[in-house]
Amino acid sequence: MFDRRMLLGGILTGVLAMLFVTAFAFPAFAFSTGATPFSYSGKVVAIDNADRIVTVQAAPNDQQIFSMNSHATVSKCGKLESFSNLKIGDKVTIAYYETGDNNYIANDLSVAPSMGQHC
């Protein structure tokens, strides 16, 4: 016969172990998926289509280089666009997160309508 207390004790130990592992794994997962994104707006000054990298300048001495993550979206007027449609001079807003080694990883890039263009 089996002892119910031993069975419950084993289940409880397993659940506690899973909670312990999750407590330490979740912050790393949340950070890597950009759970707390920052925002940066400016004009596109360089594009690397092959590596999906875009350089955006907010002011004369303020520019950032962003790598688009594999799930990043590009949109214009609320419609999904291809990264390859991005052009030098486009005004954009990027939702991104920063990795520990000062890399900026873009989750979403939104292109503002051009002068005279309406959504």
N, C-alpha and C. Protein backbone atom coordinates (compact mmCIF):
# COMPACT_ATOMS: atom_id res chain seq x y z
N MET A 1 0.82 -1.18 0.00
CA MET A 1 0.00 0.00 0.00
C MET A 1 0.87 1.25 0.00
N PHE A 2 0.29 2.34 -0.38
CA PHE A 2 1.05 3.57 -0.41
C PHE A 2 0.60 4.48 0.72
N ASP A 3 1.48 5.37 1.07
CA ASP A 3 1.20 6.31 2.16
C ASP A 3 0.80 7.65 1.54
N ARG A 4 -0.40 8.09 1.85
CA ARG A 4 -0.89 9.35 1.28
C ARG A 4 -0.02 10.53 1.68
N ARG A 5 0.48 10.54 2.87
CA ARG A 5 1.32 11.66 3.32
C ARG A 5 2.60 11.74 2.49
N MET A 6 3.17 10.59 2.15
CA MET A 6 4.38 10.60 1.33
C MET A 6 4.06 11.11 -0.08
N LEU A 7 2.92 10.69 -0.62
CA LEU A 7 2.53 11.13 -1.96
C LEU A 7 2.29 12.64 -1.96
N LEU A 8 1.56 13.16 -0.99
CA LEU A 8 1.30 14.60 -0.91
C LEU A 8 2.59 15.38 -0.67
N GLY A 9 3.47 14.81 0.14
CA GLY A 9 4.76 15.46 0.40
C GLY A 9 5.59 15.54 -0.88
N GLY A 10 5.57 14.51 -1.70
CA GLY A 10 6.30 14.50 -2.95
C GLY A 10 5.73 15.52 -3.94
N ILE A 11 4.41 15.58 -4.00
CA ILE A 11 3.77 16.56 -4.88
C ILE A 11 4.08 17.97 -4.42
N LEU A 12 3.97 18.22 -3.13
CA LEU A 12 4.26 19.53 -2.58
C LEU A 12 5.71 19.94 -2.85
N THR A 13 6.63 19.02 -2.71
CA THR A 13 8.04 19.30 -2.98
C THR A 13 8.24 19.65 -4.45
N GLY A 14 7.58 18.94 -5.35
CA GLY A 14 7.69 19.23 -6.78
C GLY A 14 7.13 20.60 -7.13
N VAL A 15 5.98 20.94 -6.54
CA VAL A 15 5.37 22.24 -6.80
C VAL A 15 6.27 23.35 -6.27
N LEU A 16 6.81 23.20 -5.09
CA LEU A 16 7.70 24.21 -4.52
C LEU A 16 8.96 24.37 -5.37
N ALA A 17 9.49 23.27 -5.87
CA ALA A 17 10.67 23.34 -6.73
C ALA A 17 10.36 24.09 -8.02
N MET A 18 9.19 23.85 -8.61
CA MET A 18 8.81 24.56 -9.83
C MET A 18 8.64 26.06 -9.56
N LEU A 19 8.04 26.40 -8.43
CA LEU A 19 7.87 27.81 -8.08
C LEU A 19 9.22 28.50 -7.88
N PHE A 20 10.14 27.80 -7.25
CA PHE A 20 11.48 28.35 -7.01
C PHE A 20 12.19 28.63 -8.33
N VAL A 21 12.15 27.68 -9.25
CA VAL A 21 12.80 27.84 -10.55
C VAL A 21 12.13 28.97 -11.34
N THR A 22 10.81 29.02 -11.32
CA THR A 22 10.07 30.06 -12.04
C THR A 22 10.39 31.44 -11.50
N ALA A 23 10.54 31.56 -10.20
CA ALA A 23 10.83 32.86 -9.59
C ALA A 23 12.13 33.46 -10.13
N PHE A 24 13.11 32.61 -10.42
CA PHE A 24 14.38 33.10 -10.93
C PHE A 24 14.41 33.17 -12.45
N ALA A 25 13.65 32.35 -13.13
CA ALA A 25 13.65 32.33 -14.59
C ALA A 25 12.79 33.44 -15.16
N PHE A 26 11.69 33.79 -14.51
CA PHE A 26 10.76 34.77 -15.08
C PHE A 26 11.38 36.14 -15.30
N PRO A 27 12.15 36.72 -14.37
CA PRO A 27 12.72 38.04 -14.66
C PRO A 27 13.60 38.04 -15.91
N ALA A 28 14.36 37.00 -16.13
CA ALA A 28 15.21 36.94 -17.32
C ALA A 28 14.34 36.83 -18.57
N PHE A 29 13.28 36.04 -18.49
CA PHE A 29 12.38 35.91 -19.64
C PHE A 29 11.68 37.23 -19.92
N ALA A 30 11.20 37.89 -18.89
CA ALA A 30 10.49 39.16 -19.07
C ALA A 30 11.41 40.20 -19.69
N PHE A 31 12.65 40.24 -19.26
CA PHE A 31 13.60 41.22 -19.80
C PHE A 31 13.89 40.94 -21.25
N SER A 32 14.11 39.69 -21.59
CA SER A 32 14.49 39.37 -22.96
C SER A 32 13.34 39.57 -23.95
N THR A 33 12.11 39.57 -23.49
CA THR A 33 10.99 39.79 -24.39
C THR A 33 10.56 41.25 -24.39
N GLY A 34 11.26 42.07 -23.65
CA GLY A 34 10.93 43.49 -23.66
C GLY A 34 9.68 43.82 -22.90
N ALA A 35 9.46 43.17 -21.75
CA ALA A 35 8.25 43.40 -20.97
C ALA A 35 8.10 44.86 -20.56
N THR A 36 9.20 45.58 -20.44
CA THR A 36 9.14 47.00 -20.09
C THR A 36 9.85 47.79 -21.18
N PRO A 37 9.19 48.01 -22.31
CA PRO A 37 9.87 48.70 -23.40
C PRO A 37 10.02 50.20 -23.16
N PHE A 38 11.03 50.75 -23.77
CA PHE A 38 11.25 52.19 -23.80
C PHE A 38 10.76 52.66 -25.17
N SER A 39 10.75 53.96 -25.37
CA SER A 39 10.32 54.51 -26.65
C SER A 39 11.35 55.52 -27.13
N TYR A 40 11.59 55.54 -28.42
CA TYR A 40 12.54 56.47 -29.02
C TYR A 40 11.95 56.93 -30.35
N SER A 41 11.94 58.23 -30.59
CA SER A 41 11.39 58.78 -31.82
C SER A 41 12.44 59.62 -32.53
N GLY A 42 12.42 59.56 -33.84
CA GLY A 42 13.35 60.35 -34.63
C GLY A 42 13.26 60.01 -36.10
N LYS A 43 14.30 60.39 -36.83
CA LYS A 43 14.35 60.21 -38.28
C LYS A 43 15.34 59.08 -38.60
N VAL A 44 14.96 58.21 -39.53
CA VAL A 44 15.84 57.11 -39.96
C VAL A 44 17.01 57.71 -40.74
N VAL A 45 18.25 57.38 -40.29
CA VAL A 45 19.44 57.89 -40.98
C VAL A 45 20.27 56.78 -41.61
N ALA A 46 20.01 55.51 -41.24
CA ALA A 46 20.73 54.38 -41.85
C ALA A 46 19.88 53.12 -41.69
N ILE A 47 19.98 52.24 -42.70
CA ILE A 47 19.23 50.99 -42.68
C ILE A 47 20.14 49.87 -43.17
N ASP A 48 20.14 48.76 -42.45
CA ASP A 48 20.83 47.54 -42.88
C ASP A 48 19.75 46.48 -43.04
N ASN A 49 19.26 46.31 -44.28
CA ASN A 49 18.18 45.36 -44.53
C ASN A 49 18.58 43.92 -44.25
N ALA A 50 19.82 43.56 -44.55
CA ALA A 50 20.27 42.18 -44.37
C ALA A 50 20.23 41.76 -42.91
N ASP A 51 20.66 42.64 -42.01
CA ASP A 51 20.70 42.30 -40.58
C ASP A 51 19.55 42.91 -39.80
N ARG A 52 18.63 43.60 -40.49
CA ARG A 52 17.47 44.24 -39.87
C ARG A 52 17.90 45.19 -38.74
N ILE A 53 18.77 46.11 -39.11
CA ILE A 53 19.28 47.12 -38.17
C ILE A 53 18.93 48.49 -38.72
N VAL A 54 18.44 49.36 -37.85
CA VAL A 54 18.07 50.71 -38.26
C VAL A 54 18.70 51.71 -37.28
N THR A 55 19.23 52.80 -37.82
CA THR A 55 19.79 53.88 -37.01
C THR A 55 18.82 55.05 -37.07
N VAL A 56 18.45 55.55 -35.89
CA VAL A 56 17.47 56.62 -35.79
C VAL A 56 18.10 57.79 -35.05
N GLN A 57 17.87 58.99 -35.57
CA GLN A 57 18.44 60.20 -34.97
C GLN A 57 17.30 61.07 -34.45
N ALA A 58 17.36 61.38 -33.14
CA ALA A 58 16.34 62.22 -32.51
C ALA A 58 16.75 63.69 -32.54
N ALA A 59 18.06 63.94 -32.49
CA ALA A 59 18.61 65.30 -32.48
C ALA A 59 20.01 65.22 -33.08
N PRO A 60 20.63 66.37 -33.40
CA PRO A 60 21.95 66.34 -34.05
C PRO A 60 22.99 65.45 -33.36
N ASN A 61 23.03 65.42 -32.06
CA ASN A 61 24.02 64.59 -31.35
C ASN A 61 23.38 63.45 -30.58
N ASP A 62 22.22 63.01 -31.03
CA ASP A 62 21.49 61.95 -30.33
C ASP A 62 20.94 60.96 -31.35
N GLN A 63 21.65 59.85 -31.53
CA GLN A 63 21.15 58.79 -32.40
C GLN A 63 21.39 57.45 -31.76
N GLN A 64 20.54 56.49 -32.10
CA GLN A 64 20.63 55.14 -31.55
C GLN A 64 20.55 54.14 -32.68
N ILE A 65 21.20 53.00 -32.47
CA ILE A 65 21.15 51.89 -33.43
C ILE A 65 20.27 50.81 -32.81
N PHE A 66 19.29 50.34 -33.58
CA PHE A 66 18.34 49.34 -33.10
C PHE A 66 18.41 48.09 -33.97
N SER A 67 18.46 46.94 -33.31
CA SER A 67 18.32 45.65 -34.00
C SER A 67 16.86 45.23 -33.86
N MET A 68 16.25 44.87 -34.95
CA MET A 68 14.86 44.42 -34.91
C MET A 68 14.87 42.96 -34.45
N ASN A 69 14.10 42.65 -33.40
CA ASN A 69 14.05 41.25 -32.98
C ASN A 69 13.23 40.45 -33.99
N SER A 70 13.27 39.14 -33.87
CA SER A 70 12.64 38.28 -34.88
C SER A 70 11.13 38.44 -34.94
N HIS A 71 10.52 38.96 -33.88
CA HIS A 71 9.06 39.13 -33.85
C HIS A 71 8.64 40.59 -34.00
N ALA A 72 9.60 41.47 -34.27
CA ALA A 72 9.30 42.90 -34.36
C ALA A 72 8.37 43.20 -35.52
N THR A 73 7.50 44.18 -35.29
CA THR A 73 6.59 44.60 -36.35
C THR A 73 6.96 46.00 -36.83
N VAL A 74 6.67 46.24 -38.08
CA VAL A 74 6.82 47.57 -38.68
C VAL A 74 5.43 47.95 -39.16
N SER A 75 4.97 49.14 -38.76
CA SER A 75 3.63 49.55 -39.18
C SER A 75 3.63 51.00 -39.63
N LYS A 76 2.68 51.30 -40.49
CA LYS A 76 2.46 52.67 -40.96
C LYS A 76 0.95 52.85 -41.05
N CYS A 77 0.46 53.87 -40.38
CA CYS A 77 -0.99 54.14 -40.35
C CYS A 77 -1.77 52.94 -39.84
N GLY A 78 -1.19 52.20 -38.90
CA GLY A 78 -1.87 51.06 -38.30
C GLY A 78 -1.84 49.80 -39.13
N LYS A 79 -1.18 49.82 -40.29
CA LYS A 79 -1.10 48.63 -41.15
C LYS A 79 0.32 48.08 -41.13
N LEU A 80 0.43 46.76 -41.09
CA LEU A 80 1.74 46.12 -41.08
C LEU A 80 2.46 46.39 -42.39
N GLU A 81 3.75 46.65 -42.29
CA GLU A 81 4.61 46.92 -43.44
C GLU A 81 5.80 45.98 -43.38
N SER A 82 6.52 45.90 -44.45
CA SER A 82 7.76 45.13 -44.50
C SER A 82 8.92 46.03 -44.05
N PHE A 83 9.88 45.46 -43.36
CA PHE A 83 11.06 46.22 -42.94
C PHE A 83 11.75 46.81 -44.17
N SER A 84 11.72 46.10 -45.28
CA SER A 84 12.40 46.57 -46.50
C SER A 84 11.73 47.82 -47.09
N ASN A 85 10.51 48.16 -46.67
CA ASN A 85 9.84 49.38 -47.14
C ASN A 85 10.31 50.62 -46.40
N LEU A 86 11.07 50.45 -45.34
CA LEU A 86 11.57 51.58 -44.56
C LEU A 86 12.55 52.38 -45.41
N LYS A 87 12.49 53.73 -45.29
CA LYS A 87 13.35 54.59 -46.10
C LYS A 87 14.11 55.58 -45.23
N ILE A 88 15.30 55.97 -45.70
CA ILE A 88 16.05 57.04 -45.04
C ILE A 88 15.15 58.28 -45.03
N GLY A 89 15.09 58.94 -43.89
CA GLY A 89 14.26 60.13 -43.75
C GLY A 89 12.90 59.88 -43.12
N ASP A 90 12.46 58.60 -43.08
CA ASP A 90 11.18 58.29 -42.43
C ASP A 90 11.23 58.71 -40.97
N LYS A 91 10.15 59.29 -40.49
CA LYS A 91 10.04 59.61 -39.06
C LYS A 91 9.38 58.41 -38.39
N VAL A 92 10.04 57.91 -37.34
CA VAL A 92 9.59 56.68 -36.70
C VAL A 92 9.56 56.82 -35.18
N THR A 93 8.79 55.95 -34.58
CA THR A 93 8.81 55.75 -33.14
C THR A 93 9.06 54.27 -32.92
N ILE A 94 10.03 53.97 -32.07
CA ILE A 94 10.44 52.59 -31.83
C ILE A 94 10.19 52.23 -30.37
N ALA A 95 9.52 51.09 -30.16
CA ALA A 95 9.40 50.51 -28.82
C ALA A 95 10.53 49.49 -28.72
N TYR A 96 11.37 49.62 -27.70
CA TYR A 96 12.57 48.78 -27.60
C TYR A 96 12.90 48.46 -26.15
N TYR A 97 13.80 47.53 -25.99
CA TYR A 97 14.38 47.26 -24.68
C TYR A 97 15.89 47.19 -24.83
N GLU A 98 16.57 47.39 -23.73
CA GLU A 98 18.03 47.39 -23.74
C GLU A 98 18.54 46.13 -23.07
N THR A 99 19.50 45.49 -23.72
CA THR A 99 20.12 44.31 -23.10
C THR A 99 21.24 44.78 -22.19
N GLY A 100 21.77 43.89 -21.42
CA GLY A 100 22.83 44.24 -20.47
C GLY A 100 24.09 44.76 -21.13
N ASP A 101 24.30 44.51 -22.41
CA ASP A 101 25.52 44.95 -23.08
C ASP A 101 25.27 46.17 -23.97
N ASN A 102 24.29 47.00 -23.58
CA ASN A 102 23.97 48.26 -24.27
C ASN A 102 23.53 48.09 -25.72
N ASN A 103 22.91 46.98 -26.03
CA ASN A 103 22.29 46.80 -27.34
C ASN A 103 20.83 47.16 -27.21
N TYR A 104 20.30 47.82 -28.25
CA TYR A 104 18.89 48.21 -28.25
C TYR A 104 18.14 47.30 -29.21
N ILE A 105 17.18 46.56 -28.67
CA ILE A 105 16.42 45.58 -29.44
C ILE A 105 15.01 46.11 -29.64
N ALA A 106 14.63 46.32 -30.90
CA ALA A 106 13.32 46.88 -31.22
C ALA A 106 12.25 45.79 -31.25
N ASN A 107 11.13 46.08 -30.60
CA ASN A 107 9.96 45.20 -30.66
C ASN A 107 9.00 45.67 -31.74
N ASP A 108 8.83 46.98 -31.83
CA ASP A 108 7.88 47.56 -32.78
C ASP A 108 8.44 48.86 -33.33
N LEU A 109 8.22 49.09 -34.60
CA LEU A 109 8.63 50.32 -35.25
C LEU A 109 7.40 50.87 -35.98
N SER A 110 7.04 52.10 -35.66
CA SER A 110 5.89 52.74 -36.27
C SER A 110 6.37 53.93 -37.11
N VAL A 111 6.00 53.92 -38.39
CA VAL A 111 6.39 54.99 -39.31
C VAL A 111 5.27 56.03 -39.34
N ALA A 112 5.66 57.29 -39.15
CA ALA A 112 4.68 58.39 -39.22
C ALA A 112 4.35 58.68 -40.67
N PRO A 113 3.14 59.13 -40.96
CA PRO A 113 2.80 59.48 -42.33
C PRO A 113 3.68 60.63 -42.82
N SER A 114 4.00 60.63 -44.10
CA SER A 114 4.81 61.69 -44.70
C SER A 114 3.99 62.97 -44.75
N MET A 115 4.69 64.10 -44.97
CA MET A 115 4.00 65.39 -45.09
C MET A 115 2.94 65.29 -46.18
N GLY A 116 1.75 65.73 -45.89
CA GLY A 116 0.67 65.70 -46.87
C GLY A 116 -0.02 64.35 -47.02
N GLN A 117 0.54 63.31 -46.39
CA GLN A 117 -0.06 61.98 -46.48
C GLN A 117 -1.01 61.77 -45.30
N HIS A 118 -2.15 61.19 -45.55
CA HIS A 118 -3.11 60.91 -44.49
C HIS A 118 -3.26 59.41 -44.35
N CYS A 119 -3.57 59.01 -43.16
CA CYS A 119 -3.78 57.57 -42.92
C CYS A 119 -5.17 57.14 -43.34
